[in-house]
Amino acid sequence: MPKKKTVVHNSTHPMERKISLKHMSDITWRIFRIMSEFVEGFQFLSDFSKEVTIFGSARIKPGTHWYNEAEKLGGLLVKNGYSVITGGGPGIMEAANKGAYKINPEKSIGLNIQLPSEQRINPFVGRAKGFYYFFTRKVMLAASAQAYIYFPGGFGTLDEMSEIITLVQTKKMAKTPIVIVGRKYYEPFVAWIKTTMADEHKTINPKDLELFHLVDTAEEVMKYVKQSRERTIF
């Protein structure tokens, strides 16, 4: 039985070539835009020292317990010579920026995300940098901080927390204080990590639980921040 011939299609149709070139042009433009965001982001952060990055829910309302505690922490950090970095949005981010802004607006920093019609930024950010891509902004929030603080939050906060813990766990980042604020909120989650992940399934080492600290107050956070050293790269 004769073998079937393999037909190779080398399309030279002008329209297909035009679409292909346009696609490559779009990819190239996007790569340069990403590179530009990284360069501008690192240049922006180079103006600051002793940065502490604070994460938490955008849904926490002013006047509530964790909003007030985040605001208190922002003020304590700036009083002790630190710069406060948040995602620049509402909720916990706004509270931390507010506390910092009251002491020194130049130490209240927001790395916000640019939306089609606006920049999602709270009014207590003294120095701001907007990002088009969520992932470049996320890298900037992780870059060079002297400590990482996590207040009660949702999926985004858990994602950012898990990523930083993983970077320290895998030694891709120098050991840096990771402080989780809110015992009542986070204790069930921490218990699950211990009993299910570490003890039952052994998907993590029990010593990995030592990579973070669970506290309840701004004053407790400060004890760990003061033990940290400034980092220049992440």
C-alpha atoms as a PDB file:
ATOM      1  CA  MET A   1       0.000   0.000   0.000  1.00  0.00           C
ATOM      2  CA  PRO A   2       1.546   3.349  -1.045  1.00  0.00           C
ATOM      3  CA  LYS A   3       2.514   5.725   1.735  1.00  0.00           C
ATOM      4  CA  LYS A   4       0.456   8.834   2.141  1.00  0.00           C
ATOM      5  CA  LYS A   5       2.276  11.998   1.259  1.00  0.00           C
ATOM      6  CA  THR A   6       2.687  14.534   4.019  1.00  0.00           C
ATOM      7  CA  VAL A   7       1.430  17.885   2.884  1.00  0.00           C
ATOM      8  CA  VAL A   8       3.191  20.877   4.397  1.00  0.00           C
ATOM      9  CA  HIS A   9       1.266  24.114   4.288  1.00  0.00           C
ATOM     10  CA  ASN A  10       3.546  27.106   3.908  1.00  0.00           C
ATOM     11  CA  SER A  11       0.985  29.825   3.642  1.00  0.00           C
ATOM     12  CA  THR A  12       2.143  32.976   1.931  1.00  0.00           C
ATOM     13  CA  HIS A  13      -1.269  34.579   1.873  1.00  0.00           C
ATOM     14  CA  PRO A  14      -0.716  38.320   2.477  1.00  0.00           C
ATOM     15  CA  MET A  15      -3.546  38.549   5.024  1.00  0.00           C
ATOM     16  CA  GLU A  16      -2.204  35.644   7.127  1.00  0.00           C
ATOM     17  CA  ARG A  17       1.292  37.183   7.067  1.00  0.00           C
ATOM     18  CA  LYS A  18      -0.136  40.576   8.079  1.00  0.00           C
ATOM     19  CA  ILE A  19      -1.992  39.000  11.042  1.00  0.00           C
ATOM     20  CA  SER A  20       1.145  37.142  12.103  1.00  0.00           C
ATOM     21  CA  LEU A  21       3.306  40.290  12.004  1.00  0.00           C
ATOM     22  CA  LYS A  22       0.679  42.242  13.935  1.00  0.00           C
ATOM     23  CA  HIS A  23       0.552  39.474  16.569  1.00  0.00           C
ATOM     24  CA  MET A  24       4.344  39.543  16.966  1.00  0.00           C
ATOM     25  CA  SER A  25       4.295  43.328  17.166  1.00  0.00           C
ATOM     26  CA  ASP A  26       1.707  43.175  19.965  1.00  0.00           C
ATOM     27  CA  ILE A  27       3.812  40.644  21.899  1.00  0.00           C
ATOM     28  CA  THR A  28       6.969  42.729  21.497  1.00  0.00           C
ATOM     29  CA  TRP A  29       5.199  45.896  22.621  1.00  0.00           C
ATOM     30  CA  ARG A  30       3.811  44.072  25.662  1.00  0.00           C
ATOM     31  CA  ILE A  31       7.260  42.755  26.628  1.00  0.00           C
ATOM     32  CA  PHE A  32       8.724  46.253  26.512  1.00  0.00           C
ATOM     33  CA  ARG A  33       5.821  47.599  28.548  1.00  0.00           C
ATOM     34  CA  ILE A  34       6.414  44.931  31.201  1.00  0.00           C
ATOM     35  CA  MET A  35      10.150  45.699  31.247  1.00  0.00           C
ATOM     36  CA  SER A  36       9.386  49.395  31.576  1.00  0.00           C
ATOM     37  CA  GLU A  37       7.087  48.782  34.550  1.00  0.00           C
ATOM     38  CA  PHE A  38       9.769  46.771  36.333  1.00  0.00           C
ATOM     39  CA  VAL A  39      12.458  49.398  35.704  1.00  0.00           C
ATOM     40  CA  GLU A  40      10.237  52.304  36.755  1.00  0.00           C
ATOM     41  CA  GLY A  41       8.984  50.370  39.780  1.00  0.00           C
ATOM     42  CA  PHE A  42      12.452  49.594  41.120  1.00  0.00           C
ATOM     43  CA  GLN A  43      13.567  53.168  40.461  1.00  0.00           C
ATOM     44  CA  PHE A  44      10.557  54.446  42.404  1.00  0.00           C
ATOM     45  CA  LEU A  45      11.306  52.177  45.384  1.00  0.00           C
ATOM     46  CA  SER A  46      14.981  53.180  45.410  1.00  0.00           C
ATOM     47  CA  ASP A  47      13.932  56.549  46.891  1.00  0.00           C
ATOM     48  CA  PHE A  48      12.831  54.895  50.145  1.00  0.00           C
ATOM     49  CA  SER A  49      14.495  53.101  53.031  1.00  0.00           C
ATOM     50  CA  LYS A  50      13.406  50.684  55.758  1.00  0.00           C
ATOM     51  CA  GLU A  51      10.225  49.737  53.910  1.00  0.00           C
ATOM     52  CA  VAL A  52       7.530  47.631  55.568  1.00  0.00           C
ATOM     53  CA  THR A  53       4.784  46.243  53.333  1.00  0.00           C
ATOM     54  CA  ILE A  54       1.287  45.868  54.758  1.00  0.00           C
ATOM     55  CA  PHE A  55      -1.425  43.678  53.222  1.00  0.00           C
ATOM     56  CA  GLY A  56      -5.081  43.146  54.119  1.00  0.00           C
ATOM     57  CA  SER A  57      -8.657  43.269  52.935  1.00  0.00           C
ATOM     58  CA  ALA A  58      -9.949  46.221  50.926  1.00  0.00           C
ATOM     59  CA  ARG A  59     -13.365  45.557  52.506  1.00  0.00           C
ATOM     60  CA  ILE A  60     -12.448  46.427  56.095  1.00  0.00           C
ATOM     61  CA  LYS A  61     -14.436  49.545  57.034  1.00  0.00           C
ATOM     62  CA  PRO A  62     -13.165  52.670  58.836  1.00  0.00           C
ATOM     63  CA  GLY A  63     -13.825  52.619  62.553  1.00  0.00           C
ATOM     64  CA  THR A  64     -13.627  48.830  62.867  1.00  0.00           C
ATOM     65  CA  HIS A  65     -11.091  47.070  65.084  1.00  0.00           C
ATOM     66  CA  TRP A  66      -8.630  45.962  62.400  1.00  0.00           C
ATOM     67  CA  TYR A  67      -8.861  49.264  60.528  1.00  0.00           C
ATOM     68  CA  ASN A  68      -7.910  51.078  63.736  1.00  0.00           C
ATOM     69  CA  GLU A  69      -5.099  48.635  64.484  1.00  0.00           C
ATOM     70  CA  ALA A  70      -3.654  49.010  60.961  1.00  0.00           C
ATOM     71  CA  GLU A  71      -3.846  52.779  61.292  1.00  0.00           C
ATOM     72  CA  LYS A  72      -2.028  52.598  64.629  1.00  0.00           C
ATOM     73  CA  LEU A  73       0.671  50.385  63.076  1.00  0.00           C
ATOM     74  CA  GLY A  74       1.195  52.806  60.175  1.00  0.00           C
ATOM     75  CA  GLY A  75       1.827  55.607  62.654  1.00  0.00           C
ATOM     76  CA  LEU A  76       4.152  53.522  64.853  1.00  0.00           C
ATOM     77  CA  LEU A  77       6.221  52.458  61.862  1.00  0.00           C
ATOM     78  CA  VAL A  78       6.816  55.996  60.612  1.00  0.00           C
ATOM     79  CA  LYS A  79       7.567  57.261  64.129  1.00  0.00           C
ATOM     80  CA  ASN A  80      10.289  54.618  64.316  1.00  0.00           C
ATOM     81  CA  GLY A  81      11.843  55.596  60.984  1.00  0.00           C
ATOM     82  CA  TYR A  82      10.185  53.098  58.637  1.00  0.00           C
ATOM     83  CA  SER A  83       8.390  53.667  55.334  1.00  0.00           C
ATOM     84  CA  VAL A  84       4.916  52.151  54.910  1.00  0.00           C
ATOM     85  CA  ILE A  85       4.067  50.464  51.613  1.00  0.00           C
ATOM     86  CA  THR A  86       0.580  49.233  50.703  1.00  0.00           C
ATOM     87  CA  GLY A  87      -1.351  48.423  47.554  1.00  0.00           C
ATOM     88  CA  GLY A  88      -2.807  51.928  47.790  1.00  0.00           C
ATOM     89  CA  GLY A  89      -6.430  50.837  47.946  1.00  0.00           C
ATOM     90  CA  PRO A  90      -9.193  51.069  50.560  1.00  0.00           C
ATOM     91  CA  GLY A  91      -9.680  49.062  53.762  1.00  0.00           C
ATOM     92  CA  ILE A  92      -6.548  47.904  55.580  1.00  0.00           C
ATOM     93  CA  MET A  93      -4.370  49.598  52.971  1.00  0.00           C
ATOM     94  CA  GLU A  94      -6.077  52.932  53.535  1.00  0.00           C
ATOM     95  CA  ALA A  95      -5.802  52.529  57.306  1.00  0.00           C
ATOM     96  CA  ALA A  96      -2.056  51.844  57.228  1.00  0.00           C
ATOM     97  CA  ASN A  97      -1.469  54.736  54.835  1.00  0.00           C
ATOM     98  CA  LYS A  98      -3.602  56.992  57.010  1.00  0.00           C
ATOM     99  CA  GLY A  99      -1.544  56.269  60.121  1.00  0.00           C
ATOM    100  CA  ALA A 100       1.687  56.856  58.220  1.00  0.00           C
ATOM    101  CA  TYR A 101       0.404  59.977  56.439  1.00  0.00           C
ATOM    102  CA  LYS A 102      -0.465  61.688  59.724  1.00  0.00           C
ATOM    103  CA  ILE A 103       3.178  61.453  60.807  1.00  0.00           C
ATOM    104  CA  ASN A 104       4.941  62.013  57.476  1.00  0.00           C
ATOM    105  CA  PRO A 105       3.152  61.939  54.096  1.00  0.00           C
ATOM    106  CA  GLU A 106       6.439  61.172  52.306  1.00  0.00           C
ATOM    107  CA  LYS A 107       6.608  57.849  54.182  1.00  0.00           C
ATOM    108  CA  SER A 108       3.105  56.777  53.104  1.00  0.00           C
ATOM    109  CA  ILE A 109       3.540  54.879  49.839  1.00  0.00           C
ATOM    110  CA  GLY A 110       0.935  53.279  47.589  1.00  0.00           C
ATOM    111  CA  LEU A 111       1.576  50.906  44.692  1.00  0.00           C
ATOM    112  CA  ASN A 112      -1.800  50.980  43.037  1.00  0.00           C
ATOM    113  CA  ILE A 113      -3.305  49.331  39.995  1.00  0.00           C
ATOM    114  CA  GLN A 114      -4.463  51.374  37.011  1.00  0.00           C
ATOM    115  CA  LEU A 115      -8.033  50.670  35.939  1.00  0.00           C
ATOM    116  CA  PRO A 116      -9.506  51.759  32.572  1.00  0.00           C
ATOM    117  CA  SER A 117     -11.135  54.930  33.921  1.00  0.00           C
ATOM    118  CA  GLU A 118      -9.342  55.616  37.206  1.00  0.00           C
ATOM    119  CA  GLN A 119      -6.536  54.807  39.595  1.00  0.00           C
ATOM    120  CA  ARG A 120      -7.820  52.851  42.579  1.00  0.00           C
ATOM    121  CA  ILE A 121      -6.000  54.784  45.282  1.00  0.00           C
ATOM    122  CA  ASN A 122      -6.850  56.004  48.773  1.00  0.00           C
ATOM    123  CA  PRO A 123      -6.469  59.681  49.840  1.00  0.00           C
ATOM    124  CA  PHE A 124      -3.728  58.988  52.400  1.00  0.00           C
ATOM    125  CA  VAL A 125      -1.011  57.971  49.947  1.00  0.00           C
ATOM    126  CA  GLY A 126       1.753  60.566  49.943  1.00  0.00           C
ATOM    127  CA  ARG A 127       3.861  58.945  47.217  1.00  0.00           C
ATOM    128  CA  ALA A 128       2.222  56.783  44.573  1.00  0.00           C
ATOM    129  CA  LYS A 129       3.165  54.612  41.639  1.00  0.00           C
ATOM    130  CA  GLY A 130       0.555  53.123  39.329  1.00  0.00           C
ATOM    131  CA  PHE A 131       0.937  49.799  37.523  1.00  0.00           C
ATOM    132  CA  TYR A 132      -0.894  48.432  34.506  1.00  0.00           C
ATOM    133  CA  TYR A 133      -0.112  44.782  35.201  1.00  0.00           C
ATOM    134  CA  PHE A 134      -1.148  43.115  38.445  1.00  0.00           C
ATOM    135  CA  PHE A 135       1.894  40.841  38.423  1.00  0.00           C
ATOM    136  CA  THR A 136       4.462  43.663  38.151  1.00  0.00           C
ATOM    137  CA  ARG A 137       2.731  45.456  41.018  1.00  0.00           C
ATOM    138  CA  LYS A 138       2.837  42.239  43.038  1.00  0.00           C
ATOM    139  CA  VAL A 139       6.594  41.940  42.512  1.00  0.00           C
ATOM    140  CA  MET A 140       7.075  45.531  43.665  1.00  0.00           C
ATOM    141  CA  LEU A 141       5.056  44.858  46.816  1.00  0.00           C
ATOM    142  CA  ALA A 142       7.371  41.929  47.533  1.00  0.00           C
ATOM    143  CA  ALA A 143      10.602  43.706  46.638  1.00  0.00           C
ATOM    144  CA  SER A 144      13.150  44.712  49.273  1.00  0.00           C
ATOM    145  CA  ALA A 145      10.738  45.103  52.208  1.00  0.00           C
ATOM    146  CA  GLN A 146      12.204  44.814  55.679  1.00  0.00           C
ATOM    147  CA  ALA A 147       9.087  43.033  56.956  1.00  0.00           C
ATOM    148  CA  TYR A 148       5.741  41.795  55.595  1.00  0.00           C
ATOM    149  CA  ILE A 149       2.571  42.318  57.620  1.00  0.00           C
ATOM    150  CA  TYR A 150      -0.756  40.564  56.909  1.00  0.00           C
ATOM    151  CA  PHE A 151      -4.003  41.761  58.457  1.00  0.00           C
ATOM    152  CA  PRO A 152      -7.294  39.895  57.962  1.00  0.00           C
ATOM    153  CA  GLY A 153      -8.005  39.584  54.263  1.00  0.00           C
ATOM    154  CA  GLY A 154      -9.371  37.446  51.460  1.00  0.00           C
ATOM    155  CA  PHE A 155      -7.911  35.360  48.652  1.00  0.00           C
ATOM    156  CA  GLY A 156      -5.535  38.122  47.550  1.00  0.00           C
ATOM    157  CA  THR A 157      -4.042  38.492  51.018  1.00  0.00           C
ATOM    158  CA  LEU A 158      -3.648  34.708  51.372  1.00  0.00           C
ATOM    159  CA  ASP A 159      -2.031  34.546  47.935  1.00  0.00           C
ATOM    160  CA  GLU A 160       0.495  37.245  48.796  1.00  0.00           C
ATOM    161  CA  MET A 161       1.177  35.690  52.197  1.00  0.00           C
ATOM    162  CA  SER A 162       1.731  32.204  50.758  1.00  0.00           C
ATOM    163  CA  GLU A 163       4.066  33.542  48.087  1.00  0.00           C
ATOM    164  CA  ILE A 164       6.335  35.366  50.541  1.00  0.00           C
ATOM    165  CA  ILE A 165       6.416  32.359  52.898  1.00  0.00           C
ATOM    166  CA  THR A 166       7.316  30.137  49.938  1.00  0.00           C
ATOM    167  CA  LEU A 167      10.126  32.456  48.830  1.00  0.00           C
ATOM    168  CA  VAL A 168      11.652  32.352  52.315  1.00  0.00           C
ATOM    169  CA  GLN A 169      10.999  28.601  52.658  1.00  0.00           C
ATOM    170  CA  THR A 170      12.814  27.863  49.389  1.00  0.00           C
ATOM    171  CA  LYS A 171      15.600  30.342  50.235  1.00  0.00           C
ATOM    172  CA  LYS A 172      14.828  32.482  47.208  1.00  0.00           C
ATOM    173  CA  MET A 173      14.475  35.357  49.661  1.00  0.00           C
ATOM    174  CA  ALA A 174      16.522  36.180  52.741  1.00  0.00           C
ATOM    175  CA  LYS A 175      14.787  35.294  55.996  1.00  0.00           C
ATOM    176  CA  THR A 176      12.520  38.244  56.670  1.00  0.00           C
ATOM    177  CA  PRO A 177       9.876  38.808  59.365  1.00  0.00           C
ATOM    178  CA  ILE A 178       6.451  37.657  58.185  1.00  0.00           C
ATOM    179  CA  VAL A 179       3.868  38.800  60.715  1.00  0.00           C
ATOM    180  CA  ILE A 180       0.222  37.732  60.590  1.00  0.00           C
ATOM    181  CA  VAL A 181      -2.124  39.971  62.580  1.00  0.00           C
ATOM    182  CA  GLY A 182      -5.377  38.643  64.044  1.00  0.00           C
ATOM    183  CA  ARG A 183      -5.303  35.520  66.191  1.00  0.00           C
ATOM    184  CA  LYS A 184      -9.047  34.883  66.137  1.00  0.00           C
ATOM    185  CA  TYR A 185      -9.157  35.372  62.359  1.00  0.00           C
ATOM    186  CA  TYR A 186      -6.095  33.327  61.411  1.00  0.00           C
ATOM    187  CA  GLU A 187      -5.786  30.666  64.145  1.00  0.00           C
ATOM    188  CA  PRO A 188      -8.127  28.190  62.358  1.00  0.00           C
ATOM    189  CA  PHE A 189      -6.058  28.584  59.197  1.00  0.00           C
ATOM    190  CA  VAL A 190      -2.769  28.118  61.049  1.00  0.00           C
ATOM    191  CA  ALA A 191      -4.230  25.073  62.855  1.00  0.00           C
ATOM    192  CA  TRP A 192      -5.160  23.553  59.471  1.00  0.00           C
ATOM    193  CA  ILE A 193      -1.628  24.148  58.182  1.00  0.00           C
ATOM    194  CA  LYS A 194      -0.235  22.340  61.227  1.00  0.00           C
ATOM    195  CA  THR A 195      -2.641  19.409  61.548  1.00  0.00           C
ATOM    196  CA  THR A 196      -3.461  18.738  57.885  1.00  0.00           C
ATOM    197  CA  MET A 197      -0.429  19.912  55.926  1.00  0.00           C
ATOM    198  CA  ALA A 198       2.405  19.260  58.384  1.00  0.00           C
ATOM    199  CA  ASP A 199       1.203  16.427  60.655  1.00  0.00           C
ATOM    200  CA  GLU A 200      -1.215  14.385  58.547  1.00  0.00           C
ATOM    201  CA  HIS A 201      -0.053  14.736  54.938  1.00  0.00           C
ATOM    202  CA  LYS A 202       3.506  15.997  55.542  1.00  0.00           C
ATOM    203  CA  THR A 203       3.312  18.362  52.580  1.00  0.00           C
ATOM    204  CA  ILE A 204       5.386  20.873  54.554  1.00  0.00           C
ATOM    205  CA  ASN A 205       8.070  20.551  57.203  1.00  0.00           C
ATOM    206  CA  PRO A 206       6.839  21.282  60.750  1.00  0.00           C
ATOM    207  CA  LYS A 207       9.679  23.809  61.026  1.00  0.00           C
ATOM    208  CA  ASP A 208       8.021  25.821  58.237  1.00  0.00           C
ATOM    209  CA  LEU A 209       5.533  26.995  60.847  1.00  0.00           C
ATOM    210  CA  GLU A 210       8.412  29.005  62.312  1.00  0.00           C
ATOM    211  CA  LEU A 211       8.635  31.115  59.152  1.00  0.00           C
ATOM    212  CA  PHE A 212       5.832  33.408  60.319  1.00  0.00           C
ATOM    213  CA  HIS A 213       4.559  34.937  63.559  1.00  0.00           C
ATOM    214  CA  LEU A 214       0.931  35.223  64.636  1.00  0.00           C
ATOM    215  CA  VAL A 215       0.136  38.308  66.737  1.00  0.00           C
ATOM    216  CA  ASP A 216      -2.794  40.471  67.770  1.00  0.00           C
ATOM    217  CA  THR A 217      -1.623  44.072  68.103  1.00  0.00           C
ATOM    218  CA  ALA A 218       0.384  46.771  66.369  1.00  0.00           C
ATOM    219  CA  GLU A 219       2.797  46.807  69.311  1.00  0.00           C
ATOM    220  CA  GLU A 220       3.510  43.091  68.870  1.00  0.00           C
ATOM    221  CA  VAL A 221       4.170  43.670  65.172  1.00  0.00           C
ATOM    222  CA  MET A 222       6.729  46.350  66.019  1.00  0.00           C
ATOM    223  CA  LYS A 223       8.764  43.916  68.156  1.00  0.00           C
ATOM    224  CA  TYR A 224       9.403  41.747  65.094  1.00  0.00           C
ATOM    225  CA  VAL A 225       9.930  44.660  62.708  1.00  0.00           C
ATOM    226  CA  LYS A 226      12.601  46.127  64.988  1.00  0.00           C
ATOM    227  CA  GLN A 227      14.488  42.822  64.874  1.00  0.00           C
ATOM    228  CA  SER A 228      14.701  42.922  61.080  1.00  0.00           C
ATOM    229  CA  ARG A 229      17.412  44.189  58.783  1.00  0.00           C
ATOM    230  CA  GLU A 230      16.976  46.308  55.694  1.00  0.00           C
ATOM    231  CA  ARG A 231      17.162  44.437  52.412  1.00  0.00           C
ATOM    232  CA  THR A 232      18.230  45.923  49.072  1.00  0.00           C
ATOM    233  CA  ILE A 233      16.934  43.197  46.756  1.00  0.00           C
ATOM    234  CA  PHE A 234      14.264  40.569  47.065  1.00  0.00           C
END
